[in-house]
Each structure stands twice: as structure tokens, then as C-alpha cells.
Amino acid sequence: MNKAKHCNSITEVRAHIDQIDKELVALLAARGGFVKQAARFKKNDEEVKTSQRVEQVLSRVKALSLELGAHPGVTEQVYRTMIGAFIEVERNEHAVLVARAEGR
């Protein structure tokens, strides 16, 4: 289900890629907002970095890759990197919330 339309020049290819990048960054921003909210529901740092959830997400997105015509290896690599970065964001947010709750 590859939706890449046929392009007649490298300029046209790059314009489409630039538009997709804009959409991806907007989606990353939205995902980040939910990640920060998730920190409120975690009891401790170990819950923030649960490997079970990571594997669950990876399994789901690899299946989506096959369904949507994306390269599963690329999807997995991107998601592993993205999840690692978001775990750090969530850990930092969790630490701020804990400190705030303790009056620091």
C-alpha cells in the first residue's frame, strides 16, 4: 500500500519528502505530549522504561509495516531509536513530577 506518487524530477521528490517530514515532526510532537502525560501514571522509574511495552510497540509497528508497505527493518530501527529518546523524556518528566510532589 505504498502511497508514493510518481515524480518527474528530483525537485518534486524532495518537495514530497519535505512535506512528509513536516507531518512526521508534527506527529512526533503529538506523541511526545502523550509520553509526558504517561509519566503521571507511572509509580517509579522502572515503570517508565518497561521493556515489555517496548517489545509490544515494536511488534505492532512491524506488523503495520508489512500491512502498509513499509520496510519492517527500517521501521524497527526508527522505533527503537525513537522509543529510547522518548523514554528519556518520560524519565525526566517523571523525575520533575516526583520532585514537585515531594516539594523540592
N, C-alpha and C. Protein backbone atom coordinates (compact mmCIF):
# COMPACT_ATOMS: atom_id res chain seq x y z
N MET A 1 0.83 -1.18 0.00
CA MET A 1 0.00 0.00 0.00
C MET A 1 0.88 1.25 0.00
N ASN A 2 1.91 1.24 -0.79
CA ASN A 2 2.82 2.36 -0.89
C ASN A 2 2.11 3.51 -1.60
N LYS A 3 2.05 4.65 -0.94
CA LYS A 3 1.30 5.79 -1.49
C LYS A 3 2.20 6.82 -2.16
N ALA A 4 3.45 6.46 -2.42
CA ALA A 4 4.36 7.42 -3.07
C ALA A 4 3.91 7.63 -4.50
N LYS A 5 3.61 8.88 -4.83
CA LYS A 5 3.16 9.16 -6.18
C LYS A 5 4.36 9.31 -7.11
N HIS A 6 4.15 9.08 -8.37
CA HIS A 6 5.22 9.18 -9.36
C HIS A 6 5.65 10.64 -9.50
N CYS A 7 6.96 10.86 -9.46
CA CYS A 7 7.52 12.21 -9.59
C CYS A 7 8.30 12.30 -10.89
N ASN A 8 8.37 13.50 -11.43
CA ASN A 8 9.06 13.73 -12.69
C ASN A 8 10.40 14.46 -12.53
N SER A 9 10.76 14.78 -11.29
CA SER A 9 12.04 15.46 -11.07
C SER A 9 12.47 15.25 -9.62
N ILE A 10 13.76 15.46 -9.38
CA ILE A 10 14.28 15.38 -8.02
C ILE A 10 13.69 16.48 -7.16
N THR A 11 13.40 17.62 -7.75
CA THR A 11 12.77 18.72 -7.01
C THR A 11 11.40 18.30 -6.50
N GLU A 12 10.66 17.63 -7.33
CA GLU A 12 9.34 17.14 -6.94
C GLU A 12 9.46 16.08 -5.84
N VAL A 13 10.43 15.18 -5.97
CA VAL A 13 10.67 14.16 -4.94
C VAL A 13 10.98 14.83 -3.60
N ARG A 14 11.87 15.82 -3.64
CA ARG A 14 12.27 16.50 -2.41
C ARG A 14 11.13 17.28 -1.79
N ALA A 15 10.28 17.85 -2.61
CA ALA A 15 9.12 18.58 -2.08
C ALA A 15 8.19 17.63 -1.32
N HIS A 16 7.99 16.44 -1.87
CA HIS A 16 7.14 15.45 -1.19
C HIS A 16 7.80 14.98 0.11
N ILE A 17 9.10 14.76 0.06
CA ILE A 17 9.81 14.34 1.28
C ILE A 17 9.73 15.43 2.34
N ASP A 18 9.91 16.69 1.94
CA ASP A 18 9.82 17.79 2.89
C ASP A 18 8.44 17.86 3.54
N GLN A 19 7.40 17.63 2.76
CA GLN A 19 6.04 17.64 3.30
C GLN A 19 5.84 16.49 4.29
N ILE A 20 6.34 15.33 3.94
CA ILE A 20 6.23 14.18 4.84
C ILE A 20 7.00 14.45 6.13
N ASP A 21 8.19 15.05 6.01
CA ASP A 21 8.96 15.39 7.21
C ASP A 21 8.18 16.32 8.12
N LYS A 22 7.51 17.29 7.55
CA LYS A 22 6.69 18.22 8.34
C LYS A 22 5.59 17.46 9.09
N GLU A 23 4.95 16.54 8.41
CA GLU A 23 3.89 15.74 9.03
C GLU A 23 4.46 14.82 10.11
N LEU A 24 5.63 14.23 9.84
CA LEU A 24 6.26 13.35 10.84
C LEU A 24 6.63 14.12 12.10
N VAL A 25 7.20 15.29 11.93
CA VAL A 25 7.59 16.10 13.10
C VAL A 25 6.35 16.50 13.90
N ALA A 26 5.27 16.84 13.23
CA ALA A 26 4.02 17.16 13.93
C ALA A 26 3.52 15.94 14.71
N LEU A 27 3.63 14.78 14.12
CA LEU A 27 3.22 13.55 14.81
C LEU A 27 4.14 13.23 15.98
N LEU A 28 5.43 13.48 15.82
CA LEU A 28 6.36 13.28 16.93
C LEU A 28 6.03 14.21 18.09
N ALA A 29 5.68 15.44 17.78
CA ALA A 29 5.30 16.39 18.82
C ALA A 29 4.05 15.90 19.57
N ALA A 30 3.08 15.40 18.83
CA ALA A 30 1.87 14.87 19.46
C ALA A 30 2.19 13.64 20.32
N ARG A 31 3.02 12.75 19.79
CA ARG A 31 3.41 11.55 20.53
C ARG A 31 4.13 11.95 21.81
N GLY A 32 5.01 12.95 21.70
CA GLY A 32 5.74 13.44 22.86
C GLY A 32 4.83 13.99 23.94
N GLY A 33 3.77 14.63 23.54
CA GLY A 33 2.80 15.13 24.51
C GLY A 33 2.15 14.01 25.30
N PHE A 34 1.86 12.91 24.63
CA PHE A 34 1.27 11.76 25.32
C PHE A 34 2.30 11.05 26.19
N VAL A 35 3.55 11.00 25.74
CA VAL A 35 4.62 10.39 26.54
C VAL A 35 4.77 11.15 27.86
N LYS A 36 4.76 12.48 27.78
CA LYS A 36 4.89 13.27 29.01
C LYS A 36 3.71 13.03 29.94
N GLN A 37 2.52 12.88 29.37
CA GLN A 37 1.35 12.58 30.21
C GLN A 37 1.46 11.22 30.86
N ALA A 38 2.04 10.26 30.14
CA ALA A 38 2.18 8.90 30.68
C ALA A 38 2.99 8.90 31.97
N ALA A 39 3.93 9.82 32.09
CA ALA A 39 4.77 9.89 33.29
C ALA A 39 3.95 10.07 34.56
N ARG A 40 2.79 10.72 34.44
CA ARG A 40 1.93 10.93 35.62
C ARG A 40 1.37 9.63 36.17
N PHE A 41 1.30 8.61 35.33
CA PHE A 41 0.65 7.36 35.72
C PHE A 41 1.65 6.28 36.15
N LYS A 42 2.93 6.61 36.12
CA LYS A 42 3.97 5.64 36.49
C LYS A 42 4.36 5.86 37.94
N LYS A 43 4.52 4.74 38.67
CA LYS A 43 4.85 4.83 40.09
C LYS A 43 6.34 5.07 40.33
N ASN A 44 7.17 4.55 39.42
CA ASN A 44 8.61 4.68 39.62
C ASN A 44 9.33 4.64 38.27
N ASP A 45 10.64 4.85 38.34
CA ASP A 45 11.45 4.90 37.13
C ASP A 45 11.43 3.59 36.36
N GLU A 46 11.34 2.48 37.06
CA GLU A 46 11.31 1.17 36.39
C GLU A 46 10.07 1.03 35.50
N GLU A 47 8.96 1.56 35.95
CA GLU A 47 7.74 1.51 35.13
C GLU A 47 7.89 2.36 33.87
N VAL A 48 8.69 3.40 33.93
CA VAL A 48 8.90 4.27 32.78
C VAL A 48 9.61 3.51 31.67
N LYS A 49 10.59 2.71 32.01
CA LYS A 49 11.41 2.05 30.99
C LYS A 49 11.11 0.57 30.82
N THR A 50 9.88 0.19 30.93
CA THR A 50 9.49 -1.21 30.82
C THR A 50 9.76 -1.78 29.42
N SER A 51 10.55 -2.85 29.38
CA SER A 51 10.89 -3.46 28.09
C SER A 51 9.72 -4.23 27.49
N GLN A 52 8.78 -4.66 28.33
CA GLN A 52 7.60 -5.37 27.81
C GLN A 52 6.79 -4.47 26.89
N ARG A 53 6.59 -3.24 27.29
CA ARG A 53 5.84 -2.29 26.46
C ARG A 53 6.60 -1.97 25.17
N VAL A 54 7.91 -1.83 25.27
CA VAL A 54 8.73 -1.56 24.08
C VAL A 54 8.53 -2.67 23.06
N GLU A 55 8.64 -3.90 23.50
CA GLU A 55 8.50 -5.04 22.58
C GLU A 55 7.08 -5.12 22.01
N GLN A 56 6.10 -4.77 22.80
CA GLN A 56 4.71 -4.74 22.34
C GLN A 56 4.55 -3.72 21.21
N VAL A 57 5.10 -2.53 21.39
CA VAL A 57 5.03 -1.48 20.37
C VAL A 57 5.77 -1.93 19.11
N LEU A 58 6.98 -2.47 19.28
CA LEU A 58 7.76 -2.91 18.13
C LEU A 58 7.04 -3.99 17.33
N SER A 59 6.45 -4.92 18.00
CA SER A 59 5.71 -5.98 17.32
C SER A 59 4.55 -5.40 16.51
N ARG A 60 3.84 -4.46 17.12
CA ARG A 60 2.69 -3.84 16.44
C ARG A 60 3.12 -3.05 15.21
N VAL A 61 4.19 -2.25 15.34
CA VAL A 61 4.58 -1.41 14.20
C VAL A 61 5.25 -2.22 13.09
N LYS A 62 5.90 -3.33 13.44
CA LYS A 62 6.46 -4.18 12.38
C LYS A 62 5.33 -4.82 11.57
N ALA A 63 4.28 -5.23 12.25
CA ALA A 63 3.11 -5.78 11.55
C ALA A 63 2.48 -4.70 10.68
N LEU A 64 2.38 -3.48 11.19
CA LEU A 64 1.84 -2.37 10.39
C LEU A 64 2.71 -2.10 9.17
N SER A 65 4.02 -2.23 9.33
CA SER A 65 4.93 -2.04 8.20
C SER A 65 4.60 -2.97 7.05
N LEU A 66 4.39 -4.22 7.38
CA LEU A 66 4.05 -5.20 6.35
C LEU A 66 2.71 -4.87 5.70
N GLU A 67 1.77 -4.48 6.52
CA GLU A 67 0.43 -4.14 6.03
C GLU A 67 0.45 -2.91 5.12
N LEU A 68 1.28 -1.93 5.45
CA LEU A 68 1.26 -0.64 4.75
C LEU A 68 2.37 -0.48 3.71
N GLY A 69 3.18 -1.51 3.55
CA GLY A 69 4.20 -1.46 2.51
C GLY A 69 5.48 -0.75 2.90
N ALA A 70 5.73 -0.63 4.19
CA ALA A 70 6.98 -0.03 4.67
C ALA A 70 8.01 -1.14 4.89
N HIS A 71 9.26 -0.77 4.99
CA HIS A 71 10.32 -1.74 5.23
C HIS A 71 10.36 -2.03 6.73
N PRO A 72 10.06 -3.28 7.15
CA PRO A 72 10.00 -3.60 8.58
C PRO A 72 11.30 -3.32 9.33
N GLY A 73 12.44 -3.55 8.69
CA GLY A 73 13.72 -3.30 9.34
C GLY A 73 13.94 -1.82 9.62
N VAL A 74 13.56 -0.99 8.67
CA VAL A 74 13.68 0.46 8.86
C VAL A 74 12.72 0.91 9.96
N THR A 75 11.51 0.41 9.91
CA THR A 75 10.52 0.77 10.93
C THR A 75 11.01 0.39 12.32
N GLU A 76 11.54 -0.82 12.46
CA GLU A 76 12.02 -1.26 13.77
C GLU A 76 13.17 -0.38 14.26
N GLN A 77 14.11 -0.10 13.38
CA GLN A 77 15.26 0.72 13.77
C GLN A 77 14.82 2.13 14.18
N VAL A 78 13.94 2.73 13.40
CA VAL A 78 13.43 4.07 13.73
C VAL A 78 12.70 4.05 15.06
N TYR A 79 11.85 3.05 15.26
CA TYR A 79 11.09 2.99 16.50
C TYR A 79 11.97 2.71 17.71
N ARG A 80 12.97 1.86 17.57
CA ARG A 80 13.88 1.61 18.71
C ARG A 80 14.57 2.91 19.13
N THR A 81 15.03 3.67 18.15
CA THR A 81 15.69 4.94 18.44
C THR A 81 14.69 5.93 19.05
N MET A 82 13.52 6.04 18.44
CA MET A 82 12.50 6.98 18.91
C MET A 82 12.06 6.62 20.34
N ILE A 83 11.80 5.36 20.58
CA ILE A 83 11.35 4.93 21.91
C ILE A 83 12.42 5.22 22.95
N GLY A 84 13.68 4.95 22.61
CA GLY A 84 14.77 5.24 23.54
C GLY A 84 14.80 6.72 23.91
N ALA A 85 14.65 7.57 22.91
CA ALA A 85 14.65 9.01 23.18
C ALA A 85 13.43 9.42 24.01
N PHE A 86 12.27 8.87 23.69
CA PHE A 86 11.07 9.22 24.44
C PHE A 86 11.11 8.68 25.87
N ILE A 87 11.78 7.55 26.08
CA ILE A 87 11.93 7.04 27.45
C ILE A 87 12.70 8.05 28.29
N GLU A 88 13.73 8.65 27.70
CA GLU A 88 14.49 9.67 28.43
C GLU A 88 13.62 10.89 28.74
N VAL A 89 12.80 11.29 27.78
CA VAL A 89 11.87 12.41 28.01
C VAL A 89 10.92 12.07 29.15
N GLU A 90 10.38 10.86 29.12
CA GLU A 90 9.43 10.44 30.15
C GLU A 90 10.11 10.32 31.51
N ARG A 91 11.33 9.81 31.54
CA ARG A 91 12.07 9.71 32.80
C ARG A 91 12.30 11.09 33.40
N ASN A 92 12.68 12.04 32.56
CA ASN A 92 12.88 13.40 33.04
C ASN A 92 11.59 14.01 33.57
N GLU A 93 10.51 13.82 32.82
CA GLU A 93 9.20 14.32 33.26
C GLU A 93 8.78 13.67 34.57
N HIS A 94 9.00 12.37 34.68
CA HIS A 94 8.65 11.64 35.91
C HIS A 94 9.45 12.20 37.09
N ALA A 95 10.74 12.45 36.89
CA ALA A 95 11.59 12.99 37.96
C ALA A 95 11.08 14.37 38.39
N VAL A 96 10.67 15.20 37.45
CA VAL A 96 10.12 16.52 37.77
C VAL A 96 8.84 16.38 38.59
N LEU A 97 7.98 15.47 38.18
CA LEU A 97 6.72 15.27 38.90
C LEU A 97 6.95 14.76 40.32
N VAL A 98 7.90 13.84 40.47
CA VAL A 98 8.22 13.31 41.80
C VAL A 98 8.78 14.41 42.68
N ALA A 99 9.70 15.19 42.12
CA ALA A 99 10.28 16.29 42.89
C ALA A 99 9.23 17.30 43.31
N ARG A 100 8.32 17.60 42.39
CA ARG A 100 7.24 18.54 42.70
C ARG A 100 6.34 18.00 43.81
N ALA A 101 6.03 16.71 43.75
CA ALA A 101 5.16 16.10 44.74
C ALA A 101 5.84 16.07 46.12
N GLU A 102 7.18 15.99 46.10
CA GLU A 102 7.93 15.97 47.37
C GLU A 102 8.25 17.38 47.85
N GLY A 103 7.83 18.38 47.09
CA GLY A 103 8.03 19.76 47.49
C GLY A 103 9.44 20.29 47.27
N ARG A 104 10.15 19.68 46.31
CA ARG A 104 11.51 20.15 46.04
C ARG A 104 11.54 21.21 45.00
